[in-house]
Amino acid sequence: MLGECHAHIIMNGKNYKEAVSLHKNKVDETVIHMHFQRWRELGITFVRDGGDALGVSGRAKELAPEYGIDYRTPIFAIHKKGHYGGIVGHAFTDWGEYEGLIQRAKREGADFIKIMISGIMSFDAFGVLSEEGVSGEEIREMIHIVHEEGMKVMAHGNGDKTVRAALTAGVDTLEHGNYLEQDTLMLLADSNTIWVPTLAPTGNLLGCGRFPDEQVKQILDRQMEAVDYAFAKGARLGLGSDSGAYLVPHGQGLLDEYEWMKRAVGQEHEAELRQRLKKSEEWIRKEMKR
């Protein structure tokens, strides 16, 4: 079974606020065990988390060996104050604070650093993000500082301009990456960056009634076309479902993501897709650890 390269063990796939409330006073290990059990049942032995602000993924890293799971985490994500990211981490206001958060993550056992450089999708309207994100200059400096510390970078990013800045800075893995133009996809294909396009959080919304299906399908189709194009151009793709997100349950979310990926590139390319996904996973296992 392929590994899960983008998860959020603090989330439950149903209700974010409800899931987080379980850990407000103390990490609730019961739900951690439940999620690990599900991954083990499905033969998922590698999980890369996206971190959280309450220490849940840090504790999960300590418990993972009980399940034979190789679990990686940034402990928490880092975002610029006033921008998106508080949902999974901590904010900085200047470069001194940013470097301080990197050092804190390292002390707490981070395997890599996760940065937040843009907003999230609006499923009510095509082409709209909750915010454009930080400037290209800031993105390049964020990535540069982490690399100077000898760490790899996992970046949450959407929007063409934002992602292009991350790619030119040498980001190690790009998460989500919605609304990329062809020239940026070509830049991606020519780079060493692994793209984890997380199709399941969009695809699994179809028919649920929470958002207009017409808009959801338009967003999904655009992302699947981008994945198909990037695949054809030889881009490095990674399999990660954003499990824990709404309607993306741990375990099943990865199976869903794989099905969406196969649809994107065409069933006839499954063997090559699987080989390339496995190769990306192997790189992440080898390089994104301390």
Protein backbone atom coordinates (compact mmCIF):
# COMPACT_ATOMS: atom_id res chain seq x y z
CA MET A 1 0.00 0.00 0.00
CA LEU A 2 1.24 3.49 -0.83
CA GLY A 3 1.86 5.87 2.05
CA GLU A 4 -0.16 8.90 3.13
CA CYS A 5 1.97 11.96 2.36
CA HIS A 6 -0.41 14.60 3.71
CA ALA A 7 -2.54 14.01 6.81
CA HIS A 8 -3.84 15.90 9.82
CA ILE A 9 -4.26 13.51 12.71
CA ILE A 10 -5.84 16.26 14.83
CA MET A 11 -8.81 16.39 12.43
CA ASN A 12 -11.58 13.81 12.03
CA GLY A 13 -12.98 14.28 8.52
CA LYS A 14 -16.29 15.55 9.91
CA ASN A 15 -16.07 18.62 12.10
CA TYR A 16 -12.84 20.53 12.64
CA LYS A 17 -13.95 22.45 15.73
CA GLU A 18 -15.30 19.33 17.37
CA ALA A 19 -12.09 17.42 16.64
CA VAL A 20 -9.82 20.16 17.98
CA SER A 21 -11.92 20.62 21.14
CA LEU A 22 -10.93 17.12 22.28
CA HIS A 23 -7.35 18.33 22.75
CA LYS A 24 -7.90 21.79 24.25
CA ASN A 25 -6.75 20.87 27.74
CA LYS A 26 -4.69 17.76 27.04
CA VAL A 27 -3.92 15.62 24.01
CA ASP A 28 -6.58 12.93 23.73
CA GLU A 29 -4.62 9.80 22.86
CA THR A 30 -7.78 7.78 22.25
CA VAL A 31 -8.42 9.37 18.87
CA ILE A 32 -4.75 9.06 17.92
CA HIS A 33 -4.92 5.32 18.56
CA MET A 34 -8.15 5.11 16.57
CA HIS A 35 -6.63 6.76 13.51
CA PHE A 36 -3.46 4.68 13.69
CA GLN A 37 -5.53 1.52 13.96
CA ARG A 38 -7.41 2.43 10.79
CA TRP A 39 -4.21 3.14 8.88
CA ARG A 40 -2.74 -0.17 10.03
CA GLU A 41 -5.86 -2.07 9.00
CA LEU A 42 -5.46 -0.72 5.47
CA GLY A 43 -1.76 -1.53 5.31
CA ILE A 44 -0.65 2.11 5.39
CA THR A 45 2.78 2.13 7.01
CA PHE A 46 3.93 5.65 6.19
CA VAL A 47 2.16 8.86 7.23
CA ARG A 48 3.40 12.43 6.85
CA ASP A 49 1.39 14.85 8.95
CA GLY A 50 0.89 18.57 8.41
CA GLY A 51 1.16 19.50 12.08
CA ASP A 52 -1.08 21.32 14.54
CA ALA A 53 -0.93 23.93 17.29
CA LEU A 54 -1.86 21.64 20.20
CA GLY A 55 0.88 19.03 20.22
CA VAL A 56 -1.28 16.22 18.84
CA SER A 57 1.02 15.26 15.97
CA GLY A 58 4.00 15.44 18.31
CA ARG A 59 2.40 12.88 20.61
CA ALA A 60 1.33 10.81 17.62
CA LYS A 61 4.97 10.56 16.55
CA GLU A 62 5.77 8.97 19.92
CA LEU A 63 2.91 6.46 19.63
CA ALA A 64 3.37 5.52 15.96
CA PRO A 65 5.95 2.74 16.54
CA GLU A 66 3.30 0.74 18.39
CA TYR A 67 1.52 0.37 15.04
CA GLY A 68 4.55 -0.18 12.85
CA ILE A 69 3.93 3.17 11.18
CA ASP A 70 6.72 5.49 10.03
CA TYR A 71 5.17 8.81 11.03
CA ARG A 72 6.68 12.19 10.15
CA THR A 73 5.59 15.60 11.38
CA PRO A 74 6.65 19.25 11.36
CA ILE A 75 5.05 19.39 14.87
CA PHE A 76 3.32 22.63 13.83
CA ALA A 77 3.11 24.80 10.72
CA ILE A 78 4.45 28.36 10.57
CA HIS A 79 2.60 31.32 9.07
CA LYS A 80 2.98 35.08 8.99
CA LYS A 81 0.73 36.86 11.46
CA GLY A 82 -2.43 38.14 9.84
CA HIS A 83 -2.39 35.42 7.19
CA TYR A 84 -3.92 31.97 6.96
CA GLY A 85 -2.37 29.24 9.09
CA GLY A 86 -3.57 29.47 12.69
CA ILE A 87 -5.64 26.35 12.09
CA VAL A 88 -2.47 24.23 12.15
CA GLY A 89 0.29 26.23 13.76
CA HIS A 90 1.92 29.38 15.07
CA ALA A 91 2.54 32.86 13.70
CA PHE A 92 5.58 35.10 13.34
CA THR A 93 5.75 38.87 12.91
CA ASP A 94 9.43 39.29 11.99
CA TRP A 95 12.34 37.15 10.86
CA GLY A 96 13.65 36.78 14.38
CA GLU A 97 10.38 35.20 15.47
CA TYR A 98 10.35 33.04 12.36
CA GLU A 99 13.79 31.64 13.14
CA GLY A 100 12.69 31.16 16.73
CA LEU A 101 9.75 29.01 15.62
CA ILE A 102 12.05 26.92 13.46
CA GLN A 103 14.31 26.30 16.45
CA ARG A 104 11.30 25.44 18.60
CA ALA A 105 10.04 22.94 16.03
CA LYS A 106 13.47 21.32 15.92
CA ARG A 107 13.63 21.07 19.72
CA GLU A 108 10.19 19.46 19.79
CA GLY A 109 11.20 16.82 17.27
CA ALA A 110 10.16 18.19 13.88
CA ASP A 111 11.23 16.07 10.91
CA PHE A 112 10.86 19.00 8.52
CA ILE A 113 9.39 22.51 8.53
CA LYS A 114 5.95 23.32 7.17
CA ILE A 115 5.16 26.84 6.03
CA MET A 116 1.83 28.40 5.05
CA ILE A 117 2.16 30.78 2.12
CA SER A 118 -1.42 31.28 0.87
CA GLY A 119 -5.06 30.95 1.78
CA ILE A 120 -7.40 28.05 1.13
CA MET A 121 -10.00 27.27 -1.52
CA SER A 122 -13.41 28.86 -1.66
CA PHE A 123 -15.77 26.14 -2.87
CA ASP A 124 -18.56 28.64 -3.45
CA ALA A 125 -16.79 30.31 -6.36
CA PHE A 126 -14.31 29.15 -8.97
CA GLY A 127 -10.86 30.73 -8.90
CA VAL A 128 -11.27 32.31 -5.47
CA LEU A 129 -8.96 31.83 -2.47
CA SER A 130 -9.52 33.02 1.07
CA GLU A 131 -6.43 35.20 0.51
CA GLU A 132 -3.62 35.48 -2.02
CA GLY A 133 -0.90 34.90 0.54
CA VAL A 134 2.44 36.43 1.41
CA SER A 135 4.75 38.11 -1.08
CA GLY A 136 7.16 36.28 -3.33
CA GLU A 137 10.11 37.89 -1.56
CA GLU A 138 8.85 36.65 1.81
CA ILE A 139 8.25 33.15 0.44
CA ARG A 140 11.77 32.95 -0.91
CA GLU A 141 13.22 34.13 2.40
CA MET A 142 11.10 31.66 4.40
CA ILE A 143 12.36 28.75 2.32
CA HIS A 144 15.95 30.01 2.29
CA ILE A 145 16.11 30.26 6.09
CA VAL A 146 14.79 26.72 6.56
CA HIS A 147 17.27 25.32 4.08
CA GLU A 148 20.09 27.17 5.83
CA GLU A 149 19.03 25.32 8.97
CA GLY A 150 19.50 22.03 7.13
CA MET A 151 15.78 21.22 7.06
CA LYS A 152 13.40 20.38 4.22
CA VAL A 153 10.30 22.49 3.49
CA MET A 154 6.68 21.39 3.08
CA ALA A 155 4.64 24.35 1.80
CA HIS A 156 0.87 24.82 1.80
CA GLY A 157 0.28 26.96 -1.25
CA ASN A 158 -2.46 27.83 -3.75
CA GLY A 159 -2.55 30.32 -6.58
CA ASP A 160 -0.19 30.63 -9.51
CA LYS A 161 1.89 33.60 -8.35
CA THR A 162 2.45 32.20 -4.87
CA VAL A 163 3.39 28.74 -6.07
CA ARG A 164 5.75 30.11 -8.72
CA ALA A 165 7.66 31.97 -6.01
CA ALA A 166 7.94 28.79 -3.94
CA LEU A 167 9.17 26.79 -6.92
CA THR A 168 11.85 29.31 -7.81
CA ALA A 169 13.00 29.20 -4.18
CA GLY A 170 13.43 25.43 -4.34
CA VAL A 171 10.57 24.30 -2.08
CA ASP A 172 10.85 20.57 -1.39
CA THR A 173 7.17 19.63 -1.45
CA LEU A 174 4.19 21.68 -2.58
CA GLU A 175 0.83 20.90 -1.00
CA HIS A 176 -2.48 21.57 -2.81
CA GLY A 177 -1.30 23.93 -5.57
CA ASN A 178 -4.68 24.83 -7.03
CA TYR A 179 -5.08 27.20 -10.00
CA LEU A 180 -1.65 26.76 -11.56
CA GLU A 181 -1.07 27.97 -15.11
CA GLN A 182 0.70 25.84 -17.71
CA ASP A 183 3.98 27.74 -17.55
CA THR A 184 4.07 27.21 -13.78
CA LEU A 185 3.29 23.53 -14.26
CA MET A 186 6.21 23.39 -16.68
CA LEU A 187 8.41 25.06 -14.07
CA LEU A 188 7.21 22.41 -11.61
CA ALA A 189 8.02 19.61 -14.05
CA ASP A 190 11.52 20.98 -14.54
CA SER A 191 12.13 21.27 -10.79
CA ASN A 192 12.90 18.76 -8.03
CA THR A 193 9.76 19.74 -6.12
CA ILE A 194 7.24 17.03 -5.30
CA TRP A 195 3.64 18.17 -5.84
CA VAL A 196 0.94 16.73 -3.58
CA PRO A 197 -2.26 18.01 -5.26
CA THR A 198 -4.81 16.71 -2.70
CA LEU A 199 -7.76 16.00 -4.99
CA ALA A 200 -9.92 14.19 -2.43
CA PRO A 201 -10.93 17.27 -0.37
CA THR A 202 -12.56 18.67 -3.51
CA GLY A 203 -13.74 15.51 -5.21
CA ASN A 204 -15.34 14.09 -2.08
CA LEU A 205 -17.53 17.19 -1.78
CA LEU A 206 -19.51 16.27 -4.89
CA GLY A 207 -23.06 15.38 -3.95
CA CYS A 208 -22.73 16.24 -0.26
CA GLY A 209 -24.87 19.38 -0.54
CA ARG A 210 -22.54 21.65 1.40
CA PHE A 211 -21.42 23.56 -1.69
CA PRO A 212 -22.87 23.95 -5.20
CA ASP A 213 -21.86 20.87 -7.19
CA GLU A 214 -21.38 22.99 -10.31
CA GLN A 215 -18.66 25.02 -8.62
CA VAL A 216 -17.05 22.03 -6.94
CA LYS A 217 -16.86 20.14 -10.22
CA GLN A 218 -15.34 23.13 -12.00
CA ILE A 219 -12.65 23.40 -9.33
CA LEU A 220 -12.01 19.66 -9.39
CA ASP A 221 -11.83 19.50 -13.18
CA ARG A 222 -9.29 22.33 -13.25
CA GLN A 223 -7.06 20.59 -10.71
CA MET A 224 -7.35 17.21 -12.43
CA GLU A 225 -6.42 18.77 -15.77
CA ALA A 226 -3.38 20.33 -14.10
CA VAL A 227 -2.37 16.97 -12.62
CA ASP A 228 -2.76 15.29 -16.00
CA TYR A 229 -0.64 17.96 -17.68
CA ALA A 230 2.05 17.85 -14.99
CA PHE A 231 2.13 14.05 -15.13
CA ALA A 232 2.56 14.12 -18.90
CA LYS A 233 5.44 16.57 -18.54
CA GLY A 234 7.20 14.38 -16.00
CA ALA A 235 6.52 16.29 -12.78
CA ARG A 236 7.18 14.55 -9.48
CA LEU A 237 3.78 13.78 -7.95
CA GLY A 238 3.11 12.66 -4.38
CA LEU A 239 0.08 10.90 -2.94
CA GLY A 240 -1.50 12.75 -0.03
CA SER A 241 -5.20 13.10 0.68
CA ASP A 242 -5.22 15.87 3.33
CA SER A 243 -6.87 13.22 5.48
CA GLY A 244 -8.83 14.64 8.36
CA ALA A 245 -10.25 17.37 6.12
CA TYR A 246 -14.02 17.42 5.65
CA LEU A 247 -15.20 14.12 4.09
CA VAL A 248 -11.64 12.82 3.87
CA PRO A 249 -11.44 10.22 6.66
CA HIS A 250 -8.11 8.80 7.74
CA GLY A 251 -7.31 5.68 5.77
CA GLN A 252 -10.19 5.81 3.32
CA GLY A 253 -9.09 9.28 2.27
CA LEU A 254 -5.88 7.86 0.83
CA LEU A 255 -7.80 5.26 -1.18
CA ASP A 256 -10.04 8.03 -2.49
CA GLU A 257 -7.05 10.20 -3.40
CA TYR A 258 -5.49 7.40 -5.39
CA GLU A 259 -8.73 6.89 -7.34
CA TRP A 260 -8.94 10.60 -8.15
CA MET A 261 -5.31 10.58 -9.26
CA LYS A 262 -5.94 7.62 -11.57
CA ARG A 263 -8.91 9.41 -13.10
CA ALA A 264 -6.80 12.51 -13.62
CA VAL A 265 -3.99 10.82 -15.56
CA GLY A 266 -6.07 8.02 -17.12
CA GLN A 267 -6.49 4.43 -15.98
CA GLU A 268 -4.16 3.28 -18.75
CA HIS A 269 -1.27 5.06 -16.98
CA GLU A 270 -1.88 3.49 -13.56
CA ALA A 271 1.29 1.40 -13.51
CA GLU A 272 3.49 4.40 -14.29
CA LEU A 273 1.54 6.60 -11.86
CA ARG A 274 1.98 4.12 -9.04
CA GLN A 275 5.68 3.78 -9.76
CA ARG A 276 6.20 7.53 -9.72
CA LEU A 277 4.13 8.02 -6.57
CA LYS A 278 6.16 5.33 -4.83
CA LYS A 279 9.39 6.98 -5.94
CA SER A 280 8.25 10.32 -4.47
CA GLU A 281 7.25 8.62 -1.24
CA GLU A 282 10.66 6.99 -1.01
CA TRP A 283 12.33 10.38 -1.45
CA ILE A 284 10.17 11.89 1.31
CA ARG A 285 10.94 8.96 3.61
CA LYS A 286 14.67 9.35 3.00
CA GLU A 287 15.03 13.11 2.94
CA MET A 288 12.28 14.61 5.11
CA LYS A 289 13.52 13.36 8.43
CA ARG A 290 16.10 14.19 11.08
